[in-house]
PDB file of N, CA and C in Angstrom:
ATOM      1  N   MET A   1       1.108 -58.187  67.828  1.00  0.00           N
ATOM      2  CA  MET A   1       2.476 -58.244  68.296  1.00  0.00           C
ATOM      3  C   MET A   1       3.285 -57.153  67.603  1.00  0.00           C
ATOM      4  N   GLU A   2       4.062 -56.406  68.361  1.00  0.00           N
ATOM      5  CA  GLU A   2       4.909 -55.343  67.826  1.00  0.00           C
ATOM      6  C   GLU A   2       6.106 -55.944  67.101  1.00  0.00           C
ATOM      7  N   PRO A   3       6.498 -55.383  65.952  1.00  0.00           N
ATOM      8  CA  PRO A   3       7.687 -55.880  65.261  1.00  0.00           C
ATOM      9  C   PRO A   3       8.939 -55.565  66.062  1.00  0.00           C
ATOM     10  N   SER A   4       9.946 -56.434  65.945  1.00  0.00           N
ATOM     11  CA  SER A   4      11.201 -56.180  66.644  1.00  0.00           C
ATOM     12  C   SER A   4      12.014 -55.151  65.883  1.00  0.00           C
ATOM     13  N   ARG A   5      13.035 -54.642  66.520  1.00  0.00           N
ATOM     14  CA  ARG A   5      13.907 -53.638  65.899  1.00  0.00           C
ATOM     15  C   ARG A   5      14.565 -54.192  64.636  1.00  0.00           C
ATOM     16  N   ASP A   6      14.832 -55.494  64.610  1.00  0.00           N
ATOM     17  CA  ASP A   6      15.461 -56.121  63.446  1.00  0.00           C
ATOM     18  C   ASP A   6      14.514 -56.222  62.257  1.00  0.00           C
ATOM     19  N   GLU A   7      13.244 -55.942  62.462  1.00  0.00           N
ATOM     20  CA  GLU A   7      12.252 -56.059  61.407  1.00  0.00           C
ATOM     21  C   GLU A   7      11.763 -54.700  60.925  1.00  0.00           C
ATOM     22  N   MET A   8      12.571 -53.679  61.094  1.00  0.00           N
ATOM     23  CA  MET A   8      12.187 -52.322  60.724  1.00  0.00           C
ATOM     24  C   MET A   8      13.138 -51.758  59.674  1.00  0.00           C
ATOM     25  N   LEU A   9      12.612 -50.824  58.891  1.00  0.00           N
ATOM     26  CA  LEU A   9      13.408 -50.082  57.921  1.00  0.00           C
ATOM     27  C   LEU A   9      13.220 -48.604  58.199  1.00  0.00           C
ATOM     28  N   LEU A  10      14.272 -47.836  58.022  1.00  0.00           N
ATOM     29  CA  LEU A  10      14.206 -46.396  58.228  1.00  0.00           C
ATOM     30  C   LEU A  10      14.450 -45.719  56.888  1.00  0.00           C
ATOM     31  N   GLY A  11      13.532 -44.871  56.491  1.00  0.00           N
ATOM     32  CA  GLY A  11      13.690 -44.087  55.276  1.00  0.00           C
ATOM     33  C   GLY A  11      13.842 -42.626  55.638  1.00  0.00           C
ATOM     34  N   VAL A  12      14.784 -41.950  54.982  1.00  0.00           N
ATOM     35  CA  VAL A  12      15.023 -40.534  55.245  1.00  0.00           C
ATOM     36  C   VAL A  12      15.061 -39.796  53.919  1.00  0.00           C
ATOM     37  N   ASP A  13      14.279 -38.743  53.795  1.00  0.00           N
ATOM     38  CA  ASP A  13      14.267 -37.885  52.614  1.00  0.00           C
ATOM     39  C   ASP A  13      14.883 -36.552  53.002  1.00  0.00           C
ATOM     40  N   LEU A  14      16.066 -36.283  52.452  1.00  0.00           N
ATOM     41  CA  LEU A  14      16.764 -35.036  52.727  1.00  0.00           C
ATOM     42  C   LEU A  14      16.509 -34.091  51.572  1.00  0.00           C
ATOM     43  N   GLY A  15      15.749 -33.041  51.816  1.00  0.00           N
ATOM     44  CA  GLY A  15      15.387 -32.100  50.770  1.00  0.00           C
ATOM     45  C   GLY A  15      15.882 -30.701  51.054  1.00  0.00           C
ATOM     46  N   GLY A  16      15.624 -29.819  50.134  1.00  0.00           N
ATOM     47  CA  GLY A  16      16.069 -28.439  50.259  1.00  0.00           C
ATOM     48  C   GLY A  16      15.375 -27.663  51.354  1.00  0.00           C
ATOM     49  N   THR A  17      14.174 -28.090  51.738  1.00  0.00           N
ATOM     50  CA  THR A  17      13.422 -27.369  52.762  1.00  0.00           C
ATOM     51  C   THR A  17      13.112 -28.207  53.992  1.00  0.00           C
ATOM     52  N   LYS A  18      13.218 -29.549  53.872  1.00  0.00           N
ATOM     53  CA  LYS A  18      12.864 -30.401  55.004  1.00  0.00           C
ATOM     54  C   LYS A  18      13.635 -31.712  54.973  1.00  0.00           C
ATOM     55  N   VAL A  19      13.748 -32.317  56.135  1.00  0.00           N
ATOM     56  CA  VAL A  19      14.212 -33.692  56.286  1.00  0.00           C
ATOM     57  C   VAL A  19      13.024 -34.450  56.850  1.00  0.00           C
ATOM     58  N   GLU A  20      12.649 -35.526  56.182  1.00  0.00           N
ATOM     59  CA  GLU A  20      11.526 -36.329  56.653  1.00  0.00           C
ATOM     60  C   GLU A  20      12.009 -37.756  56.830  1.00  0.00           C
ATOM     61  N   ALA A  21      11.684 -38.353  57.968  1.00  0.00           N
ATOM     62  CA  ALA A  21      12.111 -39.715  58.269  1.00  0.00           C
ATOM     63  C   ALA A  21      10.903 -40.539  58.670  1.00  0.00           C
ATOM     64  N   GLY A  22      10.937 -41.810  58.296  1.00  0.00           N
ATOM     65  CA  GLY A  22       9.862 -42.714  58.669  1.00  0.00           C
ATOM     66  C   GLY A  22      10.409 -44.084  59.000  1.00  0.00           C
ATOM     67  N   LEU A  23       9.922 -44.664  60.074  1.00  0.00           N
ATOM     68  CA  LEU A  23      10.254 -46.019  60.480  1.00  0.00           C
ATOM     69  C   LEU A  23       9.120 -46.909  60.012  1.00  0.00           C
ATOM     70  N   VAL A  24       9.451 -47.933  59.222  1.00  0.00           N
ATOM     71  CA  VAL A  24       8.449 -48.756  58.553  1.00  0.00           C
ATOM     72  C   VAL A  24       8.700 -50.215  58.882  1.00  0.00           C
ATOM     73  N   ASP A  25       7.618 -50.976  59.118  1.00  0.00           N
ATOM     74  CA  ASP A  25       7.792 -52.407  59.334  1.00  0.00           C
ATOM     75  C   ASP A  25       7.899 -53.118  57.990  1.00  0.00           C
ATOM     76  N   LEU A  26       8.150 -54.413  58.010  1.00  0.00           N
ATOM     77  CA  LEU A  26       8.386 -55.159  56.774  1.00  0.00           C
ATOM     78  C   LEU A  26       7.138 -55.325  55.918  1.00  0.00           C
ATOM     79  N   ARG A  27       5.985 -54.967  56.431  1.00  0.00           N
ATOM     80  CA  ARG A  27       4.749 -54.971  55.645  1.00  0.00           C
ATOM     81  C   ARG A  27       4.461 -53.606  55.020  1.00  0.00           C
ATOM     82  N   GLY A  28       5.349 -52.637  55.258  1.00  0.00           N
ATOM     83  CA  GLY A  28       5.183 -51.316  54.681  1.00  0.00           C
ATOM     84  C   GLY A  28       4.349 -50.364  55.517  1.00  0.00           C
ATOM     85  N   ARG A  29       4.042 -50.744  56.732  1.00  0.00           N
ATOM     86  CA  ARG A  29       3.259 -49.866  57.624  1.00  0.00           C
ATOM     87  C   ARG A  29       4.190 -48.888  58.328  1.00  0.00           C
ATOM     88  N   VAL A  30       3.835 -47.609  58.289  1.00  0.00           N
ATOM     89  CA  VAL A  30       4.626 -46.577  58.963  1.00  0.00           C
ATOM     90  C   VAL A  30       4.363 -46.678  60.460  1.00  0.00           C
ATOM     91  N   VAL A  31       5.421 -46.915  61.205  1.00  0.00           N
ATOM     92  CA  VAL A  31       5.328 -47.027  62.658  1.00  0.00           C
ATOM     93  C   VAL A  31       5.414 -45.648  63.297  1.00  0.00           C
ATOM     94  N   VAL A  32       6.321 -44.838  62.785  1.00  0.00           N
ATOM     95  CA  VAL A  32       6.481 -43.470  63.276  1.00  0.00           C
ATOM     96  C   VAL A  32       7.159 -42.652  62.179  1.00  0.00           C
ATOM     97  N   SER A  33       6.835 -41.372  62.112  1.00  0.00           N
ATOM     98  CA  SER A  33       7.494 -40.487  61.151  1.00  0.00           C
ATOM     99  C   SER A  33       7.728 -39.132  61.804  1.00  0.00           C
ATOM    100  N   HIS A  34       8.667 -38.398  61.229  1.00  0.00           N
ATOM    101  CA  HIS A  34       8.999 -37.083  61.772  1.00  0.00           C
ATOM    102  C   HIS A  34       9.489 -36.199  60.638  1.00  0.00           C
ATOM    103  N   ARG A  35       9.156 -34.926  60.684  1.00  0.00           N
ATOM    104  CA  ARG A  35       9.586 -33.945  59.696  1.00  0.00           C
ATOM    105  C   ARG A  35      10.143 -32.732  60.426  1.00  0.00           C
ATOM    106  N   TYR A  36      11.279 -32.238  59.912  1.00  0.00           N
ATOM    107  CA  TYR A  36      11.844 -31.017  60.472  1.00  0.00           C
ATOM    108  C   TYR A  36      12.572 -30.257  59.370  1.00  0.00           C
ATOM    109  N   PRO A  37      12.789 -28.969  59.540  1.00  0.00           N
ATOM    110  CA  PRO A  37      13.373 -28.153  58.467  1.00  0.00           C
ATOM    111  C   PRO A  37      14.836 -28.493  58.203  1.00  0.00           C
ATOM    112  N   THR A  38      15.243 -28.352  56.950  1.00  0.00           N
ATOM    113  CA  THR A  38      16.642 -28.497  56.557  1.00  0.00           C
ATOM    114  C   THR A  38      17.333 -27.161  56.796  1.00  0.00           C
ATOM    115  N   HIS A  39      18.563 -27.227  57.266  1.00  0.00           N
ATOM    116  CA  HIS A  39      19.354 -26.012  57.481  1.00  0.00           C
ATOM    117  C   HIS A  39      20.633 -26.114  56.658  1.00  0.00           C
ATOM    118  N   PRO A  40      20.545 -25.913  55.329  1.00  0.00           N
ATOM    119  CA  PRO A  40      21.733 -26.082  54.486  1.00  0.00           C
ATOM    120  C   PRO A  40      22.871 -25.139  54.835  1.00  0.00           C
ATOM    121  N   ASP A  41      22.565 -24.022  55.458  1.00  0.00           N
ATOM    122  CA  ASP A  41      23.590 -23.056  55.834  1.00  0.00           C
ATOM    123  C   ASP A  41      24.479 -23.560  56.963  1.00  0.00           C
ATOM    124  N   LYS A  42      24.054 -24.619  57.666  1.00  0.00           N
ATOM    125  CA  LYS A  42      24.854 -25.167  58.764  1.00  0.00           C
ATOM    126  C   LYS A  42      25.920 -26.147  58.274  1.00  0.00           C
ATOM    127  N   GLY A  43      25.919 -26.465  56.973  1.00  0.00           N
ATOM    128  CA  GLY A  43      26.990 -27.288  56.426  1.00  0.00           C
ATOM    129  C   GLY A  43      26.556 -28.651  55.951  1.00  0.00           C
ATOM    130  N   PRO A  44      27.436 -29.267  55.149  1.00  0.00           N
ATOM    131  CA  PRO A  44      27.123 -30.539  54.504  1.00  0.00           C
ATOM    132  C   PRO A  44      27.729 -31.751  55.214  1.00  0.00           C
ATOM    133  N   ASP A  45      27.450 -31.957  56.504  1.00  0.00           N
ATOM    134  CA  ASP A  45      28.057 -33.063  57.239  1.00  0.00           C
ATOM    135  C   ASP A  45      27.509 -34.432  56.788  1.00  0.00           C
ATOM    136  N   VAL A  46      26.613 -34.564  55.909  1.00  0.00           N
ATOM    137  CA  VAL A  46      26.130 -35.929  55.576  1.00  0.00           C
ATOM    138  C   VAL A  46      25.800 -36.153  54.112  1.00  0.00           C
ATOM    139  N   VAL A  47      26.442 -35.477  53.162  1.00  0.00           N
ATOM    140  CA  VAL A  47      26.004 -35.594  51.771  1.00  0.00           C
ATOM    141  C   VAL A  47      27.195 -35.630  50.806  1.00  0.00           C
ATOM    142  N   ARG A  48      27.090 -36.437  49.729  1.00  0.00           N
ATOM    143  CA  ARG A  48      28.082 -36.436  48.661  1.00  0.00           C
ATOM    144  C   ARG A  48      27.739 -35.389  47.614  1.00  0.00           C
ATOM    145  N   LEU A  49      26.463 -35.341  47.181  1.00  0.00           N
ATOM    146  CA  LEU A  49      26.042 -34.324  46.214  1.00  0.00           C
ATOM    147  C   LEU A  49      24.572 -34.009  46.452  1.00  0.00           C
ATOM    148  N   ALA A  50      24.276 -32.777  46.761  1.00  0.00           N
ATOM    149  CA  ALA A  50      22.900 -32.313  46.931  1.00  0.00           C
ATOM    150  C   ALA A  50      22.817 -30.930  46.307  1.00  0.00           C
ATOM    151  N   PRO A  51      22.542 -30.886  44.993  1.00  0.00           N
ATOM    152  CA  PRO A  51      22.550 -29.590  44.314  1.00  0.00           C
ATOM    153  C   PRO A  51      21.540 -28.601  44.869  1.00  0.00           C
ATOM    154  N   ASN A  52      20.429 -29.110  45.390  1.00  0.00           N
ATOM    155  CA  ASN A  52      19.439 -28.203  45.964  1.00  0.00           C
ATOM    156  C   ASN A  52      19.926 -27.581  47.269  1.00  0.00           C
ATOM    157  N   LEU A  53      20.948 -28.186  47.874  1.00  0.00           N
ATOM    158  CA  LEU A  53      21.531 -27.644  49.097  1.00  0.00           C
ATOM    159  C   LEU A  53      22.910 -27.030  48.863  1.00  0.00           C
ATOM    160  N   ARG A  54      23.445 -27.220  47.652  1.00  0.00           N
ATOM    161  CA  ARG A  54      24.783 -26.751  47.274  1.00  0.00           C
ATOM    162  C   ARG A  54      25.878 -27.444  48.083  1.00  0.00           C
ATOM    163  N   TRP A  55      25.687 -28.736  48.374  1.00  0.00           N
ATOM    164  CA  TRP A  55      26.682 -29.545  49.083  1.00  0.00           C
ATOM    165  C   TRP A  55      27.249 -30.563  48.117  1.00  0.00           C
ATOM    166  N   GLN A  56      28.557 -30.876  48.237  1.00  0.00           N
ATOM    167  CA  GLN A  56      29.187 -31.857  47.362  1.00  0.00           C
ATOM    168  C   GLN A  56      30.226 -32.685  48.108  1.00  0.00           C
ATOM    169  N   HIS A  57      30.404 -33.928  47.661  1.00  0.00           N
ATOM    170  CA  HIS A  57      31.474 -34.831  48.096  1.00  0.00           C
ATOM    171  C   HIS A  57      31.523 -35.067  49.600  1.00  0.00           C
ATOM    172  N   VAL A  58      30.388 -35.255  50.202  1.00  0.00           N
ATOM    173  CA  VAL A  58      30.320 -35.617  51.613  1.00  0.00           C
ATOM    174  C   VAL A  58      29.885 -37.078  51.659  1.00  0.00           C
ATOM    175  N   PRO A  59      30.646 -37.968  52.303  1.00  0.00           N
ATOM    176  CA  PRO A  59      30.361 -39.405  52.292  1.00  0.00           C
ATOM    177  C   PRO A  59      29.191 -39.793  53.213  1.00  0.00           C
ATOM    178  N   LEU A  60      27.993 -39.533  52.767  1.00  0.00           N
ATOM    179  CA  LEU A  60      26.791 -39.772  53.574  1.00  0.00           C
ATOM    180  C   LEU A  60      26.671 -41.223  54.031  1.00  0.00           C
ATOM    181  N   ARG A  61      26.757 -42.152  53.093  1.00  0.00           N
ATOM    182  CA  ARG A  61      26.568 -43.560  53.437  1.00  0.00           C
ATOM    183  C   ARG A  61      27.555 -44.005  54.522  1.00  0.00           C
ATOM    184  N   GLU A  62      28.818 -43.709  54.338  1.00  0.00           N
ATOM    185  CA  GLU A  62      29.837 -44.119  55.289  1.00  0.00           C
ATOM    186  C   GLU A  62      29.629 -43.477  56.659  1.00  0.00           C
ATOM    187  N   ARG A  63      29.294 -42.202  56.664  1.00  0.00           N
ATOM    188  CA  ARG A  63      29.072 -41.521  57.947  1.00  0.00           C
ATOM    189  C   ARG A  63      27.862 -42.091  58.685  1.00  0.00           C
ATOM    190  N   LEU A  64      26.806 -42.389  57.938  1.00  0.00           N
ATOM    191  CA  LEU A  64      25.630 -42.966  58.581  1.00  0.00           C
ATOM    192  C   LEU A  64      25.906 -44.372  59.090  1.00  0.00           C
ATOM    193  N   MET A  65      26.609 -45.180  58.302  1.00  0.00           N
ATOM    194  CA  MET A  65      26.929 -46.534  58.758  1.00  0.00           C
ATOM    195  C   MET A  65      27.811 -46.500  59.999  1.00  0.00           C
ATOM    196  N   ASP A  66      28.766 -45.594  60.038  1.00  0.00           N
ATOM    197  CA  ASP A  66      29.623 -45.455  61.219  1.00  0.00           C
ATOM    198  C   ASP A  66      28.818 -45.033  62.441  1.00  0.00           C
ATOM    199  N   ALA A  67      27.911 -44.088  62.250  1.00  0.00           N
ATOM    200  CA  ALA A  67      27.134 -43.561  63.373  1.00  0.00           C
ATOM    201  C   ALA A  67      26.064 -44.535  63.852  1.00  0.00           C
ATOM    202  N   LEU A  68      25.400 -45.206  62.904  1.00  0.00           N
ATOM    203  CA  LEU A  68      24.259 -46.057  63.250  1.00  0.00           C
ATOM    204  C   LEU A  68      24.616 -47.523  63.444  1.00  0.00           C
ATOM    205  N   ARG A  69      25.741 -47.948  62.874  1.00  0.00           N
ATOM    206  CA  ARG A  69      26.191 -49.337  62.943  1.00  0.00           C
ATOM    207  C   ARG A  69      25.163 -50.311  62.380  1.00  0.00           C
ATOM    208  N   ILE A  70      24.538 -49.898  61.266  1.00  0.00           N
ATOM    209  CA  ILE A  70      23.597 -50.738  60.524  1.00  0.00           C
ATOM    210  C   ILE A  70      23.859 -50.530  59.031  1.00  0.00           C
ATOM    211  N   PRO A  71      23.422 -51.469  58.181  1.00  0.00           N
ATOM    212  CA  PRO A  71      23.589 -51.260  56.740  1.00  0.00           C
ATOM    213  C   PRO A  71      22.806 -50.034  56.268  1.00  0.00           C
ATOM    214  N   VAL A  72      23.386 -49.281  55.338  1.00  0.00           N
ATOM    215  CA  VAL A  72      22.774 -48.053  54.830  1.00  0.00           C
ATOM    216  C   VAL A  72      22.827 -48.066  53.307  1.00  0.00           C
ATOM    217  N   VAL A  73      21.732 -47.678  52.677  1.00  0.00           N
ATOM    218  CA  VAL A  73      21.669 -47.488  51.235  1.00  0.00           C
ATOM    219  C   VAL A  73      21.287 -46.031  50.994  1.00  0.00           C
ATOM    220  N   VAL A  74      22.033 -45.354  50.124  1.00  0.00           N
ATOM    221  CA  VAL A  74      21.748 -43.973  49.791  1.00  0.00           C
ATOM    222  C   VAL A  74      21.389 -43.941  48.312  1.00  0.00           C
ATOM    223  N   THR A  75      20.247 -43.362  47.985  1.00  0.00           N
ATOM    224  CA  THR A  75      19.817 -43.276  46.593  1.00  0.00           C
ATOM    225  C   THR A  75      18.951 -42.054  46.382  1.00  0.00           C
ATOM    226  N   ASN A  76      18.729 -41.736  45.151  1.00  0.00           N
ATOM    227  CA  ASN A  76      17.848 -40.642  44.757  1.00  0.00           C
ATOM    228  C   ASN A  76      16.402 -41.001  45.098  1.00  0.00           C
ATOM    229  N   ASP A  77      15.586 -40.023  45.462  1.00  0.00           N
ATOM    230  CA  ASP A  77      14.204 -40.305  45.855  1.00  0.00           C
ATOM    231  C   ASP A  77      13.375 -40.932  44.739  1.00  0.00           C
ATOM    232  N   VAL A  78      13.644 -40.558  43.492  1.00  0.00           N
ATOM    233  CA  VAL A  78      12.899 -41.153  42.377  1.00  0.00           C
ATOM    234  C   VAL A  78      13.264 -42.627  42.226  1.00  0.00           C
ATOM    235  N   ARG A  79      14.542 -42.952  42.345  1.00  0.00           N
ATOM    236  CA  ARG A  79      14.947 -44.357  42.286  1.00  0.00           C
ATOM    237  C   ARG A  79      14.378 -45.148  43.448  1.00  0.00           C
ATOM    238  N   ALA A  80      14.355 -44.560  44.614  1.00  0.00           N
ATOM    239  CA  ALA A  80      13.813 -45.250  45.798  1.00  0.00           C
ATOM    240  C   ALA A  80      12.331 -45.547  45.610  1.00  0.00           C
ATOM    241  N   ALA A  81      11.596 -44.629  45.032  1.00  0.00           N
ATOM    242  CA  ALA A  81      10.174 -44.842  44.807  1.00  0.00           C
ATOM    243  C   ALA A  81       9.915 -45.924  43.775  1.00  0.00           C
ATOM    244  N   ALA A  82      10.794 -46.035  42.797  1.00  0.00           N
ATOM    245  CA  ALA A  82      10.633 -47.052  41.759  1.00  0.00           C
ATOM    246  C   ALA A  82      10.862 -48.425  42.337  1.00  0.00           C
TER     247      ALA A  82
END
């Protein structure tokens, strides 16, 4: 049986060279993932502080919650892995 949309988590890694996203079920299985290049020169429309991209004070969490209408947690990749 396929998990419902309410039983999925979306993880996004925004890096200096790539953005990688993965949709994961509650058992930790990756349902789908996608990777595409980061374009820091196009501007910081979704970040508060990203020193590797030279972006600062962009309200990522709020913008994502407004756009997606779901709860959003923004954290450092090392903290997320822990």
